Amino acid sequence: MKDSGIEWIGEIPETWEKVKFNAIYSNRNTKVSDREYAPLSVTKKGIVPQLATAAKTNDNDNRKLVKSGDFVINSRSDRRGSCGISSLDGSVSLINTVLEPKNIQMEPLYFDFLFHTIQFADEFYKWGHGIVDDLWTTNWNDMKNITLILPTRSEQQQIADYLDKKVSQIQTVIKSKQQQIAELTEYKNSLIFEYVTGKKQVKEAN
């Protein structure tokens, strides 16, 4: 291991390199209309078709183009952690930064996992600017100089494949536990109602 010289990263394997953000991504800043390119929402769970709850404007022609495979990140601090690789062509609002992979030495899914870490989110907003916390913004001119780590392409692939599998397994467990919690909560509420309304009575122990 060696010291990366990057405060939020710490030590890294000897063979890993450092790279500036703009060495692996370029800024896609093409303006489009949501009448031509379906509107998308940038959420903590990734890039999805525009949510019904999303704030909408009448400025339909003032949006950014997103192509499948692009990484999109919300630049605002009040949308912290909202980012992901888009599997869709579409358009997003101007508060988002759209990034096109440009380096064949990078595996996008590896960087998707990296960019979803709390440590990256903290570093991302260190490079921003604004007047108040909830309007703090980190745009492309800020983020392009952030230093990232660059394992070999094969190591990136191995890490991404491993995490994809493990995270999927963990999500399955979480979903199962959530179902159990929901069922127990329903049972608890039913139990309370049955007894407080006299439908069931407590039997005294002999």
Protein backbone atom coordinates (compact mmCIF):
# COMPACT_ATOMS: atom_id res chain seq x y z
CA MET A 1 0.00 0.00 0.00
CA LYS A 2 1.03 3.63 -0.49
CA ASP A 3 -0.27 7.01 0.57
CA SER A 4 -2.45 8.32 -2.25
CA GLY A 5 -1.89 11.91 -1.21
CA ILE A 6 -5.67 12.36 -1.43
CA GLU A 7 -7.08 13.16 2.00
CA TRP A 8 -10.49 11.54 1.48
CA ILE A 9 -8.99 8.37 -0.04
CA GLY A 10 -6.00 7.59 2.17
CA GLU A 11 -3.86 4.57 1.29
CA ILE A 12 -4.23 2.69 -1.99
CA PRO A 13 -2.50 -0.34 -3.57
CA GLU A 14 0.97 0.36 -4.99
CA THR A 15 -0.10 -0.21 -8.60
CA TRP A 16 -3.06 2.19 -8.52
CA GLU A 17 -2.70 5.63 -10.07
CA LYS A 18 -4.25 9.05 -9.56
CA VAL A 19 -6.16 10.91 -12.23
CA LYS A 20 -8.09 14.16 -12.57
CA PHE A 21 -11.84 13.93 -13.10
CA ASN A 22 -11.64 15.50 -16.55
CA ALA A 23 -9.19 12.82 -17.69
CA ILE A 24 -11.92 10.19 -17.60
CA TYR A 25 -15.12 12.19 -18.17
CA SER A 26 -16.09 15.06 -20.42
CA ASN A 27 -18.93 17.47 -19.77
CA ARG A 28 -21.97 16.96 -22.01
CA ASN A 29 -23.64 20.36 -22.10
CA THR A 30 -25.99 20.02 -25.08
CA LYS A 31 -29.26 21.91 -24.65
CA VAL A 32 -32.41 20.06 -25.74
CA SER A 33 -36.17 20.09 -25.30
CA ASP A 34 -38.07 17.56 -23.23
CA ARG A 35 -40.47 17.27 -26.16
CA GLU A 36 -37.66 15.57 -28.09
CA TYR A 37 -35.93 13.87 -25.18
CA ALA A 38 -38.07 12.44 -22.39
CA PRO A 39 -37.53 14.11 -18.99
CA LEU A 40 -35.53 12.12 -16.43
CA SER A 41 -35.14 12.47 -12.67
CA VAL A 42 -31.77 12.21 -10.91
CA THR A 43 -32.33 10.38 -7.61
CA LYS A 44 -30.29 8.65 -4.91
CA LYS A 45 -31.33 5.39 -6.56
CA GLY A 46 -30.08 6.49 -9.97
CA ILE A 47 -31.51 7.98 -13.15
CA VAL A 48 -35.18 7.20 -13.75
CA PRO A 49 -38.07 8.48 -15.88
CA GLN A 50 -39.27 11.78 -14.42
CA LEU A 51 -41.05 11.25 -11.11
CA ALA A 52 -44.60 12.50 -10.72
CA THR A 53 -43.43 14.43 -7.65
CA ALA A 54 -40.61 16.21 -9.50
CA ALA A 55 -40.75 19.99 -9.67
CA LYS A 56 -41.61 21.04 -13.23
CA THR A 57 -41.15 24.30 -15.11
CA ASN A 58 -42.51 25.72 -18.35
CA ASP A 59 -38.97 26.07 -19.73
CA ASN A 60 -39.20 22.84 -21.71
CA ASP A 61 -36.46 23.80 -24.18
CA ASN A 62 -33.81 24.60 -21.58
CA ARG A 63 -32.64 21.16 -20.52
CA LYS A 64 -29.51 19.02 -20.85
CA LEU A 65 -29.17 16.02 -23.11
CA VAL A 66 -28.46 12.65 -21.48
CA LYS A 67 -27.33 9.63 -23.50
CA SER A 68 -27.43 6.05 -22.29
CA GLY A 69 -24.17 5.34 -20.44
CA ASP A 70 -23.71 8.93 -19.24
CA PHE A 71 -23.13 9.59 -15.55
CA VAL A 72 -25.41 12.30 -14.17
CA ILE A 73 -24.95 14.03 -10.83
CA ASN A 74 -27.05 16.71 -9.17
CA SER A 75 -24.88 19.72 -8.44
CA ARG A 76 -26.96 21.01 -5.51
CA SER A 77 -26.14 20.21 -1.88
CA ASP A 78 -29.83 19.75 -1.05
CA ARG A 79 -29.84 16.83 -3.53
CA ARG A 80 -26.73 15.25 -2.00
CA GLY A 81 -26.06 11.72 -3.25
CA SER A 82 -28.42 11.98 -6.23
CA CYS A 83 -26.47 10.53 -9.15
CA GLY A 84 -25.99 7.47 -11.32
CA ILE A 85 -25.37 5.96 -14.74
CA SER A 86 -28.31 6.48 -17.07
CA SER A 87 -29.64 3.49 -18.97
CA LEU A 88 -31.88 5.85 -20.95
CA ASP A 89 -31.59 8.66 -23.47
CA GLY A 90 -33.42 11.71 -22.20
CA SER A 91 -33.10 15.16 -20.69
CA VAL A 92 -32.48 16.58 -17.22
CA SER A 93 -32.77 20.01 -15.62
CA LEU A 94 -29.85 22.42 -15.72
CA ILE A 95 -28.93 21.85 -12.05
CA ASN A 96 -27.47 18.50 -13.09
CA THR A 97 -24.03 17.80 -14.55
CA VAL A 98 -24.00 15.25 -17.38
CA LEU A 99 -20.72 13.38 -17.85
CA GLU A 100 -19.69 11.30 -20.85
CA PRO A 101 -17.08 8.56 -20.25
CA LYS A 102 -14.06 9.25 -22.45
CA ASN A 103 -11.23 7.04 -21.21
CA ILE A 104 -11.00 3.41 -22.29
CA GLN A 105 -9.03 2.68 -19.12
CA MET A 106 -12.11 3.19 -16.95
CA GLU A 107 -15.02 0.92 -16.05
CA PRO A 108 -18.08 3.16 -15.48
CA LEU A 109 -19.72 0.87 -12.91
CA TYR A 110 -16.61 1.03 -10.70
CA PHE A 111 -16.80 4.83 -10.66
CA ASP A 112 -20.55 4.68 -10.09
CA PHE A 113 -19.86 2.81 -6.84
CA LEU A 114 -17.07 5.26 -5.94
CA PHE A 115 -19.27 8.30 -6.56
CA HIS A 116 -22.00 6.90 -4.30
CA THR A 117 -19.72 6.80 -1.26
CA ILE A 118 -20.22 9.28 1.57
CA GLN A 119 -16.53 10.20 1.31
CA PHE A 120 -16.87 11.26 -2.33
CA ALA A 121 -20.03 13.23 -1.56
CA ASP A 122 -18.12 15.14 1.13
CA GLU A 123 -15.25 15.86 -1.27
CA PHE A 124 -17.62 16.82 -4.09
CA TYR A 125 -19.23 19.53 -2.00
CA LYS A 126 -15.91 20.82 -0.71
CA TRP A 127 -15.27 21.99 -4.28
CA GLY A 128 -18.55 23.86 -4.53
CA HIS A 129 -19.63 27.40 -3.78
CA GLY A 130 -22.73 29.28 -2.72
CA ILE A 131 -24.31 31.61 -0.20
CA VAL A 132 -26.20 29.18 2.03
CA ASP A 133 -25.86 25.45 2.62
CA ASP A 134 -29.01 24.34 0.80
CA LEU A 135 -28.01 26.33 -2.31
CA TRP A 136 -24.39 25.18 -2.34
CA THR A 137 -23.48 24.09 -5.89
CA THR A 138 -20.62 22.07 -7.37
CA ASN A 139 -20.56 22.47 -11.16
CA TRP A 140 -18.28 21.04 -13.85
CA ASN A 141 -15.70 23.81 -13.53
CA ASP A 142 -15.42 22.89 -9.86
CA MET A 143 -15.46 19.12 -10.09
CA LYS A 144 -13.23 18.60 -13.14
CA ASN A 145 -10.12 19.13 -11.01
CA ILE A 146 -11.06 16.64 -8.27
CA THR A 147 -8.39 13.94 -8.02
CA LEU A 148 -9.64 10.36 -8.28
CA ILE A 149 -7.98 6.96 -8.06
CA LEU A 150 -7.50 4.72 -11.07
CA PRO A 151 -6.97 0.98 -10.56
CA THR A 152 -6.10 -1.09 -13.61
CA ARG A 153 -9.02 -1.73 -15.95
CA SER A 154 -9.18 -5.41 -14.94
CA GLU A 155 -9.19 -4.53 -11.22
CA GLN A 156 -11.97 -2.00 -11.77
CA GLN A 157 -14.01 -4.70 -13.50
CA GLN A 158 -13.38 -7.25 -10.73
CA ILE A 159 -14.35 -4.76 -8.02
CA ALA A 160 -17.46 -3.62 -9.89
CA ASP A 161 -18.61 -7.20 -10.55
CA TYR A 162 -18.04 -8.19 -6.92
CA LEU A 163 -19.87 -5.16 -5.51
CA ASP A 164 -22.73 -5.55 -7.99
CA LYS A 165 -23.29 -9.11 -6.77
CA LYS A 166 -22.86 -8.35 -3.05
CA VAL A 167 -25.02 -5.21 -3.08
CA SER A 168 -27.76 -7.14 -4.88
CA GLN A 169 -27.64 -9.82 -2.18
CA ILE A 170 -27.76 -7.21 0.58
CA GLN A 171 -30.70 -5.44 -1.08
CA THR A 172 -32.57 -8.76 -1.20
CA VAL A 173 -32.00 -9.24 2.53
CA ILE A 174 -33.10 -5.66 3.25
CA LYS A 175 -36.28 -6.16 1.21
CA SER A 176 -37.03 -9.39 3.08
CA LYS A 177 -36.48 -7.71 6.45
CA GLN A 178 -38.65 -4.77 5.43
CA GLN A 179 -41.44 -7.20 4.56
CA GLN A 180 -41.03 -8.92 7.93
CA ILE A 181 -41.10 -5.55 9.71
CA ALA A 182 -44.24 -4.54 7.81
CA GLU A 183 -45.96 -7.82 8.74
CA LEU A 184 -44.95 -7.53 12.41
CA THR A 185 -46.10 -3.90 12.52
CA GLU A 186 -49.47 -4.90 11.07
CA TYR A 187 -49.74 -7.74 13.63
CA LYS A 188 -48.84 -5.35 16.49
CA ASN A 189 -51.45 -2.81 15.41
CA SER A 190 -54.09 -5.52 15.02
CA LEU A 191 -53.22 -7.00 18.43
CA ILE A 192 -53.53 -3.62 20.15
CA PHE A 193 -56.85 -2.88 18.44
CA GLU A 194 -58.34 -6.29 19.28
CA TYR A 195 -57.56 -5.96 22.99
CA VAL A 196 -58.34 -2.28 23.57
CA THR A 197 -61.74 -2.71 21.93
CA GLY A 198 -62.62 -5.87 23.90
CA LYS A 199 -62.70 -8.16 20.89
CA LYS A 200 -60.12 -10.25 22.69
CA GLN A 201 -59.70 -10.52 26.43
CA VAL A 202 -56.68 -11.19 28.58
CA LYS A 203 -56.89 -14.54 30.31
CA GLU A 204 -55.56 -14.45 33.84
CA ALA A 205 -52.88 -17.00 34.59
CA ASN A 206 -53.87 -19.72 37.08
